[in-house]
Protein backbone atom coordinates (compact mmCIF):
# COMPACT_ATOMS: atom_id res chain seq x y z
CA MET A 1 -11.27 -25.38 -1.02
CA HIS A 2 -13.61 -22.41 -0.54
CA PHE A 3 -14.27 -21.07 2.92
CA ASP A 4 -15.94 -18.09 4.55
CA GLY A 5 -13.36 -17.31 7.18
CA ILE A 6 -11.23 -18.59 10.07
CA LEU A 7 -12.66 -19.37 13.51
CA GLY A 8 -9.99 -18.44 16.12
CA LEU A 9 -9.54 -21.07 18.84
CA GLY A 10 -6.50 -19.59 20.55
CA PHE A 11 -6.41 -18.05 24.01
CA GLN A 12 -8.05 -14.83 25.07
CA ASP A 13 -4.61 -13.40 25.74
CA ILE A 14 -4.24 -12.66 22.01
CA SER A 15 -7.85 -11.96 21.06
CA VAL A 16 -8.43 -8.55 19.39
CA GLY A 17 -9.73 -6.14 22.00
CA GLN A 18 -9.79 -8.96 24.52
CA VAL A 19 -13.03 -10.21 23.00
CA THR A 20 -14.13 -13.46 24.63
CA PRO A 21 -13.42 -16.32 22.15
CA VAL A 22 -16.21 -18.69 21.08
CA TRP A 23 -14.47 -21.60 22.79
CA TYR A 24 -14.44 -19.79 26.18
CA ASN A 25 -18.20 -19.11 25.88
CA MET A 26 -18.86 -22.82 25.14
CA ILE A 27 -17.11 -23.70 28.44
CA GLU A 28 -18.70 -20.98 30.53
CA GLN A 29 -22.20 -21.93 29.35
CA GLY A 30 -21.67 -25.50 30.46
CA TYR A 31 -21.75 -27.17 27.04
CA MET A 32 -18.42 -29.01 27.40
CA SER A 33 -18.14 -32.19 29.46
CA GLN A 34 -14.38 -32.04 28.88
CA LYS A 35 -12.34 -28.88 28.31
CA ILE A 36 -10.88 -30.22 25.08
CA PHE A 37 -11.47 -30.06 21.37
CA SER A 38 -9.98 -32.36 18.75
CA LEU A 39 -9.22 -32.07 15.09
CA TRP A 40 -9.05 -34.57 12.24
CA LEU A 41 -8.28 -33.56 8.66
CA ASN A 42 -9.33 -35.96 5.98
CA GLN A 43 -6.40 -36.84 3.59
CA ASN A 44 -8.62 -38.65 1.09
CA PRO A 45 -8.88 -36.28 -1.92
CA ASP A 46 -11.89 -38.15 -3.31
CA SER A 47 -13.99 -37.67 -0.12
CA ASN A 48 -16.65 -34.97 0.27
CA ILE A 49 -15.74 -34.71 3.97
CA GLY A 50 -12.87 -32.39 4.64
CA GLY A 51 -12.41 -33.33 8.28
CA GLU A 52 -13.98 -33.10 11.70
CA ILE A 53 -13.65 -30.92 14.79
CA VAL A 54 -15.13 -32.21 18.05
CA PHE A 55 -15.79 -29.79 20.83
CA GLY A 56 -15.66 -31.39 24.29
CA GLY A 57 -14.46 -34.80 23.15
CA ILE A 58 -12.54 -37.09 20.79
CA ASP A 59 -13.76 -39.17 17.90
CA TRP A 60 -12.04 -42.52 18.34
CA ARG A 61 -12.56 -43.51 14.71
CA HIS A 62 -9.97 -41.04 13.49
CA PHE A 63 -6.73 -42.06 15.14
CA ARG A 64 -4.57 -45.13 15.94
CA GLY A 65 -2.79 -45.79 19.20
CA ASP A 66 -2.40 -43.38 22.08
CA HIS A 67 -1.86 -39.64 21.93
CA THR A 68 1.48 -38.18 22.92
CA TYR A 69 0.86 -35.11 25.05
CA VAL A 70 3.19 -32.17 25.39
CA PRO A 71 2.68 -29.09 27.60
CA LEU A 72 2.22 -25.64 26.20
CA SER A 73 5.32 -23.57 26.31
CA GLN A 74 3.43 -20.29 26.10
CA LYS A 75 -0.21 -19.25 26.27
CA GLY A 76 -1.74 -17.20 23.47
CA TYR A 77 -1.35 -19.49 20.51
CA TRP A 78 -1.30 -23.25 20.97
CA GLN A 79 2.48 -23.22 21.25
CA ILE A 80 4.78 -26.10 22.24
CA ASP A 81 8.49 -26.96 22.17
CA VAL A 82 9.84 -29.26 19.46
CA GLY A 83 13.26 -30.88 19.15
CA ASP A 84 15.40 -31.81 16.20
CA ILE A 85 14.06 -32.12 12.66
CA LEU A 86 15.54 -35.08 10.77
CA LEU A 87 16.04 -35.79 7.09
CA GLU A 88 15.78 -39.59 7.23
CA ASN A 89 18.22 -40.10 10.15
CA ASN A 90 20.30 -36.96 9.68
CA SER A 91 19.91 -33.96 11.93
CA THR A 92 19.25 -30.58 10.36
CA GLY A 93 21.07 -29.05 13.32
CA LEU A 94 19.15 -25.95 14.33
CA CYS A 95 16.56 -27.34 16.79
CA GLN A 96 18.68 -29.92 18.66
CA GLY A 97 18.41 -27.71 21.70
CA GLY A 98 14.71 -26.95 21.08
CA CYS A 99 12.59 -24.66 18.99
CA ALA A 100 9.14 -23.14 19.48
CA ALA A 101 6.24 -24.43 17.35
CA ILE A 102 2.73 -23.07 16.91
CA ILE A 103 -0.04 -25.60 16.05
CA ASP A 104 -2.18 -23.82 13.55
CA SER A 105 -4.95 -25.34 11.41
CA GLY A 106 -5.36 -21.99 9.68
CA THR A 107 -2.02 -22.46 7.94
CA SER A 108 -1.94 -24.75 4.96
CA LEU A 109 1.78 -25.66 4.95
CA ILE A 110 4.60 -26.11 7.39
CA ALA A 111 6.69 -22.95 7.95
CA GLY A 112 10.05 -23.04 9.61
CA PRO A 113 13.51 -21.46 9.75
CA THR A 114 14.90 -20.85 6.28
CA SER A 115 18.20 -22.55 7.14
CA VAL A 116 16.34 -25.82 7.80
CA VAL A 117 13.70 -25.49 5.00
CA THR A 118 16.53 -24.98 2.48
CA GLN A 119 18.11 -28.32 3.57
CA ILE A 120 14.69 -29.98 3.15
CA ASN A 121 14.22 -28.38 -0.27
CA HIS A 122 17.65 -29.62 -1.36
CA ALA A 123 16.84 -33.17 -0.21
CA ILE A 124 13.51 -33.30 -2.06
CA GLY A 125 14.61 -31.45 -5.18
CA ALA A 126 12.40 -28.43 -4.72
CA GLU A 127 12.89 -25.79 -7.38
CA GLY A 128 12.49 -22.39 -5.77
CA TYR A 129 14.16 -19.00 -5.92
CA VAL A 130 17.82 -19.14 -7.05
CA SER A 131 19.64 -16.70 -4.86
CA TYR A 132 22.41 -14.86 -6.70
CA GLU A 133 23.34 -13.10 -3.47
CA CYS A 134 23.78 -16.43 -1.64
CA LYS A 135 26.10 -17.82 -4.28
CA ASN A 136 27.97 -14.42 -4.33
CA ILE A 137 28.68 -14.72 -0.60
CA ILE A 138 30.10 -18.17 -1.14
CA HIS A 139 32.25 -16.90 -3.98
CA ASN A 140 33.51 -13.79 -2.22
CA TYR A 141 33.67 -14.89 1.40
CA GLY A 142 33.48 -18.68 1.46
CA ASP A 143 37.18 -19.17 2.14
CA LEU A 144 37.17 -16.53 4.88
CA ILE A 145 34.06 -17.95 6.60
CA TRP A 146 35.70 -21.37 6.48
CA GLU A 147 38.91 -20.08 8.11
CA PHE A 148 36.91 -18.22 10.80
CA ILE A 149 34.85 -21.32 11.71
CA THR A 150 37.75 -23.79 11.73
CA SER A 151 39.90 -21.38 13.79
CA GLY A 152 37.28 -21.30 16.49
CA LEU A 153 35.84 -17.80 16.06
CA ARG A 154 32.38 -17.53 17.62
CA PRO A 155 29.82 -18.21 14.82
CA GLU A 156 27.54 -15.33 15.81
CA ILE A 157 30.20 -12.73 15.11
CA ILE A 158 31.64 -14.10 11.86
CA CYS A 159 29.24 -12.22 9.53
CA VAL A 160 29.80 -9.10 11.66
CA ASP A 161 33.51 -9.36 11.24
CA ILE A 162 33.33 -9.72 7.45
CA GLY A 163 31.00 -6.73 7.26
CA LEU A 164 27.73 -8.29 6.27
CA CYS A 165 25.94 -7.78 9.60
CA SER A 166 25.82 -4.77 11.89
CA ARG A 167 27.36 -4.92 15.34
CA ASN A 168 24.10 -4.95 17.24
CA GLY A 169 23.66 -8.57 16.22
CA SER A 170 20.15 -8.13 14.96
CA HIS A 171 18.67 -10.23 12.21
CA ARG A 172 16.36 -9.51 9.39
CA MET A 173 12.90 -11.01 9.69
CA LYS A 174 11.13 -12.45 6.69
CA TYR A 175 7.51 -13.52 6.45
CA TYR A 176 5.27 -15.21 3.90
CA ASP A 177 1.66 -14.25 3.29
CA ASP A 178 0.15 -17.54 4.46
CA ILE A 179 1.73 -17.47 7.92
CA GLU A 180 1.97 -13.78 8.54
CA THR A 181 -1.12 -13.56 10.69
CA VAL A 182 0.20 -16.25 12.99
CA VAL A 183 3.54 -14.62 13.72
CA ASP A 184 2.73 -10.91 13.63
CA ASP A 185 2.17 -10.61 17.33
CA GLU A 186 5.23 -12.74 18.11
CA ASN A 187 7.47 -10.00 16.74
CA MET A 188 5.63 -6.73 17.51
CA GLY A 189 6.85 -6.67 21.09
CA ASP A 190 10.43 -5.71 20.30
CA SER A 191 10.16 -2.41 18.62
CA GLN A 192 13.83 -1.70 19.15
CA ARG A 193 14.99 -4.53 16.86
CA THR A 194 16.37 -3.21 13.59
CA ARG A 195 16.03 -5.09 10.34
CA GLU A 196 19.23 -6.35 8.75
CA SER A 197 19.94 -6.63 5.03
CA PRO A 198 19.25 -9.97 3.29
CA LEU A 199 23.01 -10.46 2.98
CA CYS A 200 23.29 -10.71 6.76
CA THR A 201 20.56 -13.35 6.88
CA LEU A 202 22.14 -15.32 4.07
CA CYS A 203 25.63 -15.15 5.64
CA ASP A 204 24.29 -16.40 8.96
CA MET A 205 22.64 -19.31 7.22
CA ILE A 206 25.86 -20.17 5.37
CA VAL A 207 27.78 -20.20 8.65
CA PHE A 208 25.17 -22.48 10.17
CA TRP A 209 25.19 -24.86 7.17
CA ILE A 210 28.96 -25.18 7.28
CA GLN A 211 28.79 -25.95 11.01
CA VAL A 212 26.26 -28.76 10.40
CA GLN A 213 28.38 -30.26 7.62
CA LEU A 214 31.60 -30.13 9.72
CA LYS A 215 29.86 -32.26 12.37
CA GLN A 216 29.34 -34.83 9.66
CA ARG A 217 33.09 -34.78 9.01
CA ASN A 218 32.77 -33.84 5.30
CA THR A 219 35.75 -32.35 3.41
CA ARG A 220 36.12 -28.64 2.76
CA GLU A 221 35.54 -28.94 -0.99
CA ARG A 222 32.48 -31.17 -0.51
CA ILE A 223 31.06 -28.81 2.05
CA LEU A 224 31.41 -25.66 -0.08
CA ASN A 225 29.91 -27.43 -3.12
CA TYR A 226 27.04 -28.60 -0.93
CA ILE A 227 26.45 -25.01 0.35
CA ASP A 228 26.48 -23.79 -3.25
CA GLU A 229 23.71 -26.29 -4.07
CA LEU A 230 21.73 -25.18 -1.01
CA CYS A 231 21.83 -21.63 -2.30
CA GLU A 232 19.89 -22.87 -5.37
CA LYS A 233 17.20 -24.36 -3.14
CA LEU A 234 16.37 -21.36 -1.02
CA PRO A 235 12.59 -21.22 -0.39
CA ASN A 236 10.53 -19.31 -2.90
CA PRO A 237 9.83 -15.90 -1.40
CA VAL A 238 6.18 -16.06 -2.50
CA GLY A 239 5.56 -19.50 -0.98
CA GLN A 240 5.55 -22.98 -2.43
CA SER A 241 8.27 -24.66 -4.47
CA PHE A 242 7.75 -27.03 -7.40
CA ILE A 243 8.56 -30.71 -7.11
CA ASN A 244 8.99 -33.41 -9.76
CA CYS A 245 6.01 -35.71 -9.08
CA ASP A 246 7.97 -38.76 -10.44
CA ASN A 247 10.54 -38.41 -7.60
CA ILE A 248 8.05 -38.73 -4.76
CA PRO A 249 8.80 -42.46 -4.05
CA THR A 250 12.55 -41.73 -3.52
CA MET A 251 12.18 -38.69 -1.28
CA PRO A 252 13.24 -38.88 2.34
CA ARG A 253 11.06 -39.04 5.45
CA ILE A 254 11.04 -35.81 7.43
CA THR A 255 10.73 -36.33 11.15
CA PHE A 256 9.83 -33.92 13.96
CA LYS A 257 10.95 -34.80 17.45
CA ILE A 258 8.15 -33.83 19.90
CA GLY A 259 7.93 -34.89 23.51
CA ASN A 260 10.84 -37.39 23.13
CA LYS A 261 8.90 -39.15 20.36
CA SER A 262 9.37 -39.17 16.60
CA PHE A 263 6.60 -37.85 14.27
CA PRO A 264 7.63 -38.76 10.74
CA LEU A 265 6.06 -37.39 7.57
CA SER A 266 6.23 -39.45 4.41
CA PRO A 267 6.71 -37.82 0.98
CA LYS A 268 3.04 -38.45 0.20
CA GLN A 269 2.14 -36.55 3.37
CA TYR A 270 4.31 -33.45 2.79
CA ILE A 271 3.96 -33.11 -0.94
CA LEU A 272 0.84 -31.45 -2.39
CA ARG A 273 -0.32 -33.03 -5.63
CA VAL A 274 -2.75 -31.02 -7.74
CA GLU A 275 -4.42 -32.52 -10.76
CA GLU A 276 -4.59 -30.09 -13.66
CA GLY A 277 -6.38 -31.59 -16.61
CA CYS A 278 -4.54 -34.70 -17.72
CA SER A 279 -1.38 -33.87 -15.73
CA SER A 280 -0.30 -33.44 -12.16
CA VAL A 281 1.57 -30.56 -10.51
CA CYS A 282 3.39 -31.18 -7.23
CA TYR A 283 4.40 -28.62 -4.60
CA GLY A 284 6.64 -28.83 -1.54
CA GLY A 285 4.86 -28.44 1.77
CA PHE A 286 7.53 -26.26 3.43
CA VAL A 287 8.04 -22.48 3.43
CA GLY A 288 10.60 -20.38 5.23
CA ILE A 289 9.95 -18.05 8.13
CA ASP A 290 12.68 -16.46 10.24
CA VAL A 291 11.76 -15.27 13.70
CA PRO A 292 14.74 -14.25 15.82
CA PRO A 293 15.20 -15.05 19.53
CA PRO A 294 13.71 -14.90 22.08
CA GLN A 295 10.47 -15.80 20.22
CA GLY A 296 12.27 -17.92 17.64
CA PRO A 297 13.49 -20.06 16.05
CA LEU A 298 9.85 -20.80 15.28
CA TRP A 299 7.87 -23.49 13.41
CA VAL A 300 4.27 -23.25 12.36
CA LEU A 301 2.84 -26.74 12.00
CA GLY A 302 -0.14 -26.31 9.67
CA ASP A 303 -2.40 -28.67 7.76
CA ILE A 304 0.41 -30.71 6.25
CA PHE A 305 1.36 -31.91 9.76
CA LEU A 306 -2.17 -31.96 11.18
CA GLY A 307 -3.37 -34.11 8.30
CA ALA A 308 -0.91 -36.83 9.37
CA TYR A 309 -1.66 -36.54 13.07
CA HIS A 310 -5.01 -36.41 14.87
CA THR A 311 -4.69 -33.53 17.36
CA VAL A 312 -6.21 -32.89 20.80
CA PHE A 313 -6.20 -29.37 22.17
CA ASP A 314 -6.48 -29.81 25.95
CA TYR A 315 -7.54 -26.48 27.42
CA GLY A 316 -8.04 -27.88 30.95
CA ASN A 317 -4.50 -29.18 31.21
CA LEU A 318 -2.80 -26.70 28.86
CA ARG A 319 -1.33 -29.35 26.58
CA VAL A 320 -1.58 -30.70 23.01
CA GLY A 321 -1.76 -34.37 22.04
CA PHE A 322 -0.86 -36.08 18.76
CA ALA A 323 -1.71 -39.53 17.48
CA GLU A 324 -1.46 -41.13 14.00
CA ALA A 325 -4.50 -40.15 11.98
CA ALA A 326 -6.77 -42.88 10.70
């Protein structure tokens, strides 16, 4: 789809030069009966209508049921807290205690922590970047990492103790072109944070994956084989991963827990299908982004998610609402 630019509808807190956003001017000039705007993205590829944004109201034709509203966790972007992310009914582990999420219609895909996106890619058969370094860590340090975890050593110091991370506990940050503008400001505030080597990031992910699998009571051999498979499904550093279109009917649902409610995505909703001549090419809708605490772990819920759920941005009450799109 061709477009001329992006209209920023975030808060003035993050506007360049503190310029007053268009949305603020609409309110101040008395055009809005309600301090809300709502978004519907049309998922029908044969339609000439791409979607609809309503300033000051909601179009009841474009959703089913009631909206689930969650408060903003931070002003600037439209940022909320999300809970666990499930592959069918299985936890991916990282966000059980909560993660940040930015609702961003200017991002095409869904971006999230590489440790979770890799599990998703493995489950849906995404073919991305095969990490030699990841497999090398398993080969050289897998047994030692296993011993450290099962002996009760604190997970955050394991990769320091085996020499792949420095002792300041910092983590390398990795971005992708299509979400870089969203997260730039999230990370600029901590100028003292050093950037670790990719080996540190990979080691930390391996420790995390083993922890998740141990909770599922899998055997040592099965866990290490699974981790080796995950290494092959690391997200493509330049963005999307290829999917076998024939496998879409057998792929799992992916569910986001938001506001104590489940928001599932079906394979047809999170896979991008592009017709090229007489054939189809399918892409996974997830890319990796690693933002360290306190800003992260961070998700960016882009058009893949917003296409499935009609969204209300409630400026007056500082909250966001989601309902099934119609």
